Protein backbone atom coordinates (compact mmCIF):
# COMPACT_ATOMS: atom_id res chain seq x y z
CA MET A 1 -7.75 28.98 12.05
CA SER A 2 -8.41 26.58 9.21
CA THR A 3 -5.68 24.94 7.17
CA CYS A 4 -6.11 24.98 3.40
CA VAL A 5 -4.89 21.93 1.47
CA ASP A 6 -4.56 22.60 -2.25
CA LEU A 7 -4.71 19.45 -4.36
CA LEU A 8 -2.66 19.82 -7.53
CA TYR A 9 -4.43 18.09 -10.40
CA LEU A 10 -2.19 17.30 -13.36
CA PRO A 11 -2.73 15.31 -16.58
CA ASN A 12 -1.95 11.62 -15.97
CA CYS A 13 -1.60 12.12 -12.22
CA LEU A 14 -2.50 9.40 -9.72
CA GLY A 15 -5.82 10.80 -8.59
CA GLY A 16 -6.09 8.30 -5.75
CA THR A 17 -3.61 10.41 -3.79
CA LEU A 18 -6.01 13.34 -3.92
CA PHE A 19 -9.04 11.23 -2.98
CA SER A 20 -7.15 9.63 -0.08
CA ALA A 21 -6.13 13.04 1.24
CA ILE A 22 -9.74 14.22 1.19
CA ASP A 23 -10.82 11.10 3.08
CA VAL A 24 -8.28 11.84 5.81
CA LEU A 25 -9.20 15.54 5.99
CA GLN A 26 -12.90 14.72 6.25
CA ALA A 27 -12.18 12.29 9.09
CA ALA A 28 -10.01 14.90 10.83
CA ASN A 29 -12.80 17.48 10.58
CA LYS A 30 -15.35 15.12 12.10
CA LEU A 31 -13.07 14.26 15.01
CA TRP A 32 -12.17 17.94 15.45
CA HIS A 33 -15.85 18.89 15.78
CA LEU A 34 -16.38 16.13 18.35
CA ARG A 35 -13.69 17.74 20.49
CA HIS A 36 -14.67 21.35 19.68
CA PRO A 37 -18.47 21.31 19.20
CA ARG A 38 -18.74 25.11 19.36
CA GLN A 39 -16.29 25.62 16.49
CA LYS A 40 -18.22 26.39 13.33
CA THR A 41 -15.25 26.50 10.95
CA PRO A 42 -13.77 23.15 9.80
CA ARG A 43 -10.20 22.51 10.84
CA PHE A 44 -9.23 21.62 7.26
CA LEU A 45 -10.41 22.97 3.93
CA TRP A 46 -9.39 21.85 0.47
CA ARG A 47 -9.64 22.78 -3.19
CA LEU A 48 -8.51 21.41 -6.52
CA LEU A 49 -5.97 23.44 -8.52
CA ASP A 50 -4.62 23.15 -12.04
CA ALA A 51 -0.98 23.66 -13.00
CA ASP A 52 -1.48 27.44 -13.21
CA GLY A 53 -2.92 27.62 -9.70
CA ALA A 54 -6.48 28.21 -10.87
CA THR A 55 -9.27 26.60 -8.86
CA LEU A 56 -11.04 23.68 -10.50
CA PRO A 57 -14.63 22.65 -9.67
CA LEU A 58 -15.12 19.78 -7.28
CA PRO A 59 -18.18 17.50 -7.24
CA PRO A 60 -20.46 18.18 -4.24
CA TRP A 61 -19.37 15.01 -2.45
CA LEU A 62 -15.75 16.22 -2.40
CA CYS A 63 -16.32 19.89 -1.59
CA SER A 64 -15.03 21.65 1.51
CA GLN A 65 -17.66 22.38 4.11
CA SER A 66 -17.38 26.18 3.85
CA GLY A 67 -16.84 26.76 0.14
CA ALA A 68 -13.66 27.92 -1.54
CA PRO A 69 -10.97 28.71 1.06
CA SER A 70 -8.30 31.36 0.71
CA ALA A 71 -4.65 30.38 1.01
CA GLN A 72 -2.67 31.76 3.95
CA ALA A 73 1.09 31.49 4.33
CA GLY A 74 2.03 29.07 7.08
CA GLN A 75 -1.41 27.45 7.06
CA SER A 76 -1.47 26.22 3.47
CA VAL A 77 -0.39 23.01 1.77
CA LEU A 78 0.24 22.18 -1.87
CA LEU A 79 -0.20 18.44 -2.34
CA VAL A 80 1.62 17.11 -5.42
CA PRO A 81 0.42 13.65 -6.53
CA GLY A 82 2.52 11.14 -8.39
CA ILE A 83 2.43 10.87 -12.16
CA ASP A 84 1.44 7.70 -13.97
CA MET A 85 4.57 6.53 -15.81
CA ASP A 86 5.52 3.70 -18.12
CA SER A 87 9.28 4.19 -17.70
CA VAL A 88 11.88 6.72 -16.61
CA PRO A 89 12.07 8.26 -20.12
CA HIS A 90 8.27 8.61 -20.05
CA LEU A 91 8.47 10.32 -16.65
CA LYS A 92 11.18 12.69 -17.93
CA GLN A 93 9.01 13.62 -20.91
CA GLN A 94 6.14 14.52 -18.59
CA LEU A 95 8.45 16.55 -16.34
CA ASP A 96 9.71 18.43 -19.39
CA ARG A 97 6.12 19.39 -20.20
CA SER A 98 5.28 20.49 -16.63
CA GLY A 99 6.76 23.98 -16.65
CA ALA A 100 3.66 25.67 -15.22
CA ALA A 101 3.31 23.14 -12.40
CA LEU A 102 7.01 23.38 -11.53
CA ALA A 103 6.75 27.17 -11.37
CA LEU A 104 3.69 26.87 -9.09
CA ILE A 105 5.57 24.50 -6.77
CA ALA A 106 8.57 26.84 -6.57
CA ARG A 107 6.30 29.85 -6.00
CA ARG A 108 4.30 28.21 -3.21
CA HIS A 109 7.48 26.97 -1.56
CA ALA A 110 8.98 30.47 -1.63
CA ALA A 111 5.79 31.77 0.01
CA GLY A 112 6.37 29.49 2.99
CA ASP A 113 3.69 26.91 2.24
CA ILE A 114 4.02 23.22 3.01
CA ILE A 115 4.81 21.18 -0.12
CA ALA A 116 3.84 17.50 0.08
CA ALA A 117 4.55 14.91 -2.62
CA ASN A 118 3.62 11.26 -3.09
CA TYR A 119 5.09 8.41 -5.19
CA ASN A 120 7.31 9.96 -7.89
CA GLY A 121 6.08 13.47 -7.10
CA ALA A 122 9.42 14.13 -5.40
CA ALA A 123 10.90 14.23 -8.90
CA MET A 124 8.74 17.28 -9.58
CA LEU A 125 9.96 18.92 -6.37
CA ALA A 126 13.56 18.21 -7.32
CA ARG A 127 13.03 19.56 -10.84
CA ALA A 128 11.45 22.68 -9.28
CA GLY A 129 14.69 23.19 -7.34
CA ILE A 130 13.36 22.90 -3.78
CA LEU A 131 14.85 19.56 -2.67
CA ASP A 132 18.61 20.19 -2.67
CA GLU A 133 20.16 19.39 0.73
CA ARG A 134 16.77 18.14 1.93
CA ASN A 135 15.58 14.73 3.13
CA ALA A 136 13.07 13.06 0.82
CA THR A 137 11.76 9.70 -0.29
CA ILE A 138 10.45 8.42 -3.60
CA THR A 139 9.15 5.19 -5.11
CA TRP A 140 11.80 2.47 -5.11
CA LEU A 141 11.10 1.92 -8.80
CA ILE A 142 13.15 4.99 -9.76
CA ALA A 143 15.28 5.50 -6.64
CA GLY A 144 18.52 4.66 -8.49
CA TRP A 145 17.81 7.04 -11.35
CA PHE A 146 16.65 9.78 -8.98
CA SER A 147 19.73 9.61 -6.74
CA GLY A 148 21.99 9.72 -9.80
CA HIS A 149 20.29 12.78 -11.29
CA HIS A 150 19.71 14.61 -8.00
CA PRO A 151 22.75 13.79 -5.84
CA LYS A 152 22.17 16.75 -3.52
CA VAL A 153 18.88 15.28 -2.30
CA ARG A 154 19.27 13.10 0.81
CA LEU A 155 17.16 10.13 -0.21
CA LEU A 156 15.78 8.11 2.72
CA MET A 157 14.19 4.82 1.70
CA ASP A 158 13.63 3.29 5.16
CA ARG A 159 10.40 5.08 6.12
CA PRO A 160 6.95 5.70 4.63
CA VAL A 161 7.11 9.50 5.05
CA THR A 162 9.97 11.99 5.27
CA ILE A 163 9.65 15.47 6.76
CA ASP A 164 12.28 18.15 6.33
CA GLY A 165 11.13 21.64 7.20
CA ASN A 166 8.18 22.41 4.98
CA ILE A 167 8.82 19.46 2.61
CA PHE A 168 6.81 16.27 3.15
CA CYS A 169 7.32 13.19 0.93
CA SER A 170 5.96 9.64 0.76
CA GLY A 171 7.23 7.05 -1.68
CA ALA A 172 4.45 4.49 -2.14
CA PRO A 173 1.01 5.29 -3.56
CA ALA A 174 -0.53 3.44 -0.62
CA SER A 175 1.36 5.69 1.82
CA SER A 176 -0.61 8.71 0.63
CA ILE A 177 -2.81 8.21 3.70
CA ASN A 178 0.28 8.28 5.93
CA LEU A 179 1.32 11.48 4.20
CA ALA A 180 -2.05 13.12 4.84
CA LEU A 181 -1.98 11.97 8.46
CA GLU A 182 1.40 13.66 8.93
CA LEU A 183 -0.09 16.86 7.57
CA VAL A 184 -2.90 16.55 10.14
CA ARG A 185 -0.26 16.00 12.83
CA HIS A 186 1.70 19.06 11.72
CA PHE A 187 -1.25 21.44 11.73
CA ALA A 188 -3.59 19.97 14.36
CA GLY A 189 -1.37 18.04 16.76
CA ASP A 190 -0.57 14.49 17.78
CA GLU A 191 -3.89 13.70 19.45
CA LEU A 192 -6.05 14.40 16.41
CA ALA A 193 -3.57 12.66 14.11
CA GLN A 194 -3.51 9.58 16.33
CA SER A 195 -7.30 9.48 16.50
CA CYS A 196 -7.42 9.57 12.70
CA THR A 197 -4.73 6.88 12.54
CA ASN A 198 -6.72 4.63 14.86
CA GLY A 199 -9.74 4.84 12.59
CA LEU A 200 -8.11 4.80 9.15
CA LEU A 201 -5.10 2.48 9.30
CA TYR A 202 -4.99 -1.23 9.92
CA GLN A 203 -3.40 -1.98 13.28
CA PRO A 204 -3.16 -5.70 14.03
CA ALA A 205 -3.31 -5.41 17.82
CA ARG A 206 -6.34 -3.12 17.74
CA PHE A 207 -8.23 -5.34 15.29
CA GLU A 208 -7.34 -8.45 17.26
CA GLN A 209 -8.53 -6.95 20.53
CA SER A 210 -11.78 -5.69 19.01
CA GLY A 211 -12.49 -9.14 17.60
CA GLN A 212 -11.91 -10.77 20.96
CA THR A 213 -14.38 -8.48 22.71
CA LEU A 214 -17.33 -9.36 20.46
CA PRO A 215 -19.70 -11.77 22.22
CA LEU A 216 -19.96 -14.08 19.22
CA LEU A 217 -16.19 -14.29 18.92
CA GLY A 218 -15.42 -14.72 22.57
CA THR A 219 -13.85 -18.15 22.16
CA PRO A 220 -10.96 -17.38 19.78
CA THR A 221 -8.56 -16.13 22.43
CA ARG A 222 -4.83 -16.64 22.13
CA ASP A 223 -5.05 -19.86 24.17
CA SER A 224 -8.28 -21.19 22.72
CA PRO A 225 -8.37 -24.67 21.17
CA VAL A 226 -9.02 -23.16 17.74
CA CYS A 227 -5.96 -20.89 17.92
CA LYS A 228 -3.81 -23.77 19.14
CA ALA A 229 -5.08 -25.94 16.31
CA ARG A 230 -4.43 -23.21 13.75
CA ARG A 231 -0.88 -22.70 14.95
CA TRP A 232 -0.21 -26.44 14.80
CA LEU A 233 -1.60 -26.72 11.27
CA GLU A 234 0.44 -23.71 10.12
CA GLN A 235 3.58 -25.38 11.43
CA HIS A 236 2.81 -28.79 9.88
CA VAL A 237 1.46 -27.89 6.45
CA THR A 238 3.42 -30.59 4.62
CA GLU A 239 2.52 -33.45 6.98
CA PRO A 240 -0.39 -35.86 6.34
CA TYR A 241 -3.58 -34.62 7.95
CA SER A 242 -4.70 -36.28 11.16
CA LEU A 243 -7.62 -34.87 13.13
CA ASP A 244 -6.48 -36.77 16.22
CA LYS A 245 -3.03 -35.11 16.11
CA VAL A 246 -4.54 -31.67 15.67
CA ALA A 247 -6.95 -32.28 18.57
CA GLU A 248 -4.07 -33.48 20.74
CA ALA A 249 -2.14 -30.28 19.99
CA ALA A 250 -5.25 -28.26 20.93
CA ALA A 251 -5.71 -30.28 24.16
CA VAL A 252 -9.32 -31.23 23.37
CA SER A 253 -11.14 -34.19 21.90
CA SER A 254 -11.56 -34.48 18.14
CA ARG A 255 -15.28 -33.98 18.45
CA THR A 256 -14.88 -30.84 20.59
CA LEU A 257 -12.30 -29.39 18.19
CA LEU A 258 -14.58 -29.88 15.19
CA ARG A 259 -17.44 -28.14 16.99
CA HIS A 260 -15.29 -25.18 18.12
CA PHE A 261 -13.65 -24.83 14.72
CA ARG A 262 -17.01 -24.69 12.94
CA GLU A 263 -18.33 -22.13 15.44
CA VAL A 264 -15.32 -19.81 15.18
CA ALA A 265 -13.99 -20.28 11.65
CA ASP A 266 -17.06 -21.68 9.87
CA MET A 267 -14.95 -24.52 8.50
CA THR A 268 -13.25 -27.74 9.58
CA PRO A 269 -9.55 -28.04 10.47
CA LEU A 270 -9.02 -29.95 7.22
CA GLU A 271 -10.58 -27.13 5.18
CA TYR A 272 -8.33 -24.63 6.97
CA LEU A 273 -5.29 -26.78 6.18
CA GLN A 274 -6.35 -26.97 2.53
CA GLN A 275 -6.53 -23.18 2.42
CA LEU A 276 -3.01 -22.94 3.83
CA ARG A 277 -1.72 -25.43 1.27
CA VAL A 278 -3.32 -23.62 -1.66
CA GLU A 279 -1.90 -20.28 -0.47
CA ARG A 280 1.55 -21.83 -0.28
CA ALA A 281 1.13 -23.31 -3.75
CA LYS A 282 0.04 -19.93 -5.15
CA LEU A 283 3.15 -18.29 -3.71
CA LEU A 284 5.46 -20.95 -5.14
CA LEU A 285 3.78 -20.75 -8.54
CA GLU A 286 4.17 -16.97 -8.57
CA VAL A 287 7.83 -16.62 -7.60
CA THR A 288 9.62 -19.89 -8.41
CA THR A 289 10.26 -22.10 -11.43
CA ALA A 290 9.72 -25.30 -9.43
CA ASP A 291 7.79 -27.98 -11.30
CA LEU A 292 4.34 -29.05 -10.19
CA GLN A 293 5.60 -32.22 -8.50
CA GLY A 294 7.99 -30.23 -6.32
CA ILE A 295 5.29 -27.73 -5.39
CA MET A 296 2.90 -30.54 -4.49
CA GLU A 297 5.48 -32.02 -2.12
CA GLN A 298 6.04 -28.62 -0.50
CA CYS A 299 2.30 -28.44 0.06
CA GLY A 300 1.83 -31.91 1.52
CA TYR A 301 0.30 -33.65 -1.50
CA GLU A 302 1.33 -36.79 -3.38
CA ASP A 303 -1.65 -37.29 -5.68
CA ALA A 304 -1.57 -34.80 -8.58
CA SER A 305 -5.24 -35.14 -9.47
CA SER A 306 -6.36 -34.41 -5.90
CA PHE A 307 -4.08 -31.39 -5.73
CA ARG A 308 -5.27 -30.00 -9.07
CA ARG A 309 -8.90 -30.53 -8.09
CA LEU A 310 -8.46 -28.72 -4.77
CA PHE A 311 -6.46 -25.89 -6.33
CA ARG A 312 -9.05 -25.32 -9.05
CA ARG A 313 -11.92 -25.40 -6.58
CA GLN A 314 -10.33 -22.61 -4.50
CA THR A 315 -8.87 -20.44 -7.26
CA GLY A 316 -10.95 -21.21 -10.34
CA LEU A 317 -7.75 -22.01 -12.26
CA THR A 318 -5.47 -24.98 -12.78
CA PRO A 319 -1.96 -24.59 -11.31
CA THR A 320 -0.52 -24.14 -14.81
CA ALA A 321 -3.05 -21.47 -15.73
CA TYR A 322 -2.48 -19.70 -12.40
CA ARG A 323 1.28 -19.57 -12.98
CA ARG A 324 0.78 -18.26 -16.50
CA ALA A 325 -1.51 -15.49 -15.21
CA TYR A 326 0.27 -14.43 -12.01
CA ALA A 327 3.97 -15.32 -12.26
CA LEU A 328 6.11 -12.50 -10.81
CA ARG A 329 9.32 -13.35 -12.66
CA ALA A 330 10.72 -13.67 -16.14
CA THR A 331 10.57 -16.96 -17.97
CA ARG A 332 13.31 -19.45 -17.15
CA ARG A 333 15.37 -18.72 -20.28
CA TRP A 334 16.10 -15.20 -19.05
CA TRP A 335 17.39 -16.34 -15.65
CA ARG A 336 21.11 -15.74 -16.16
CA VAL A 337 22.80 -13.95 -13.33
CA GLY A 338 25.07 -11.21 -14.61
CA ASP A 339 23.87 -11.36 -18.22
CA ALA A 340 22.94 -8.08 -19.82
CA VAL A 341 19.33 -7.84 -20.89
CA VAL A 342 19.50 -8.05 -24.67
CA PRO A 343 16.34 -7.77 -26.79
CA PRO A 344 15.54 -10.98 -28.73
CA ARG A 345 16.35 -9.46 -32.14
CA GLU A 346 19.74 -8.17 -30.98
CA ARG A 347 20.38 -11.50 -29.24
CA ALA A 348 19.79 -13.33 -32.54
CA ALA A 349 21.96 -10.87 -34.46
CA THR A 350 24.89 -11.29 -32.07
CA GLY A 351 24.60 -15.07 -32.01
CA LEU A 352 23.70 -15.25 -28.30
CA SER A 353 21.64 -18.28 -27.42
CA ALA A 354 18.30 -17.90 -25.70
């Protein structure tokens, strides 16, 4: 029996959720046919629906393998994507205009279908009245507002996906793949879901092992000179560079280390150290208000011109321009712990200093 996954398409929705789900379902179908070569019907089918439940056309490259499926209770899913929002009031406005979609969600839930939501889609489920006394998760951006307005929902923020009966939720847009994998697990079992997981998600141990088995990358084992040298450089980023010290830590000669490093990493130990230092500088520029001199010291540099030249060569920007473009914090004048956020005009009117 095939499972039908209905993808709810709404104005201003995050369409990536729908595309990601199709990617997972296509992978699941391929793996299913490998294990069941005589089965002609795909394990999963999908279609695109509008807020009224009407089927929308899909481009050929997204179509199900057997045409338009028919929904069956117990073997059907309604996938609710998140909505693009500028703010909580903007989200509330969109929810207020989503009467048809909310009615569809409530109707499908009453019919016994699985309802799955991603990002802030849980707000639609709550507004549809199907989340009370249920576990759910939602984007952290609106978790405080959501818990205040829907206190009967048991909000769990410590996991990528929550499952409570026939309600599936994931809070981050990137976890839409995890959400689709849990749907595969629910309908097709752990083995197929794990096979999909192995192929679709990044797993450090698996990637590391695959890299170590390639003939051309046979030298970078955990105890190889290159790995030892990398670990030593990572632990001594701020210290003056010395090839002899790095080679000593790697238990090889300087000449041997240079040769191995070029073979494995296509760079020298010094170039690797410079990459580490620039990455540290980028992080400090993004999240701190430290001046350039302090950042240089944290990155092992004393000469400002050398540091700026290296930074620009690797990033294409000066440190100042990089901070201006990528800072992840407010400007220093707003850093007052406990102060209410007052717009500049109101601040001037009340006599508050900036």
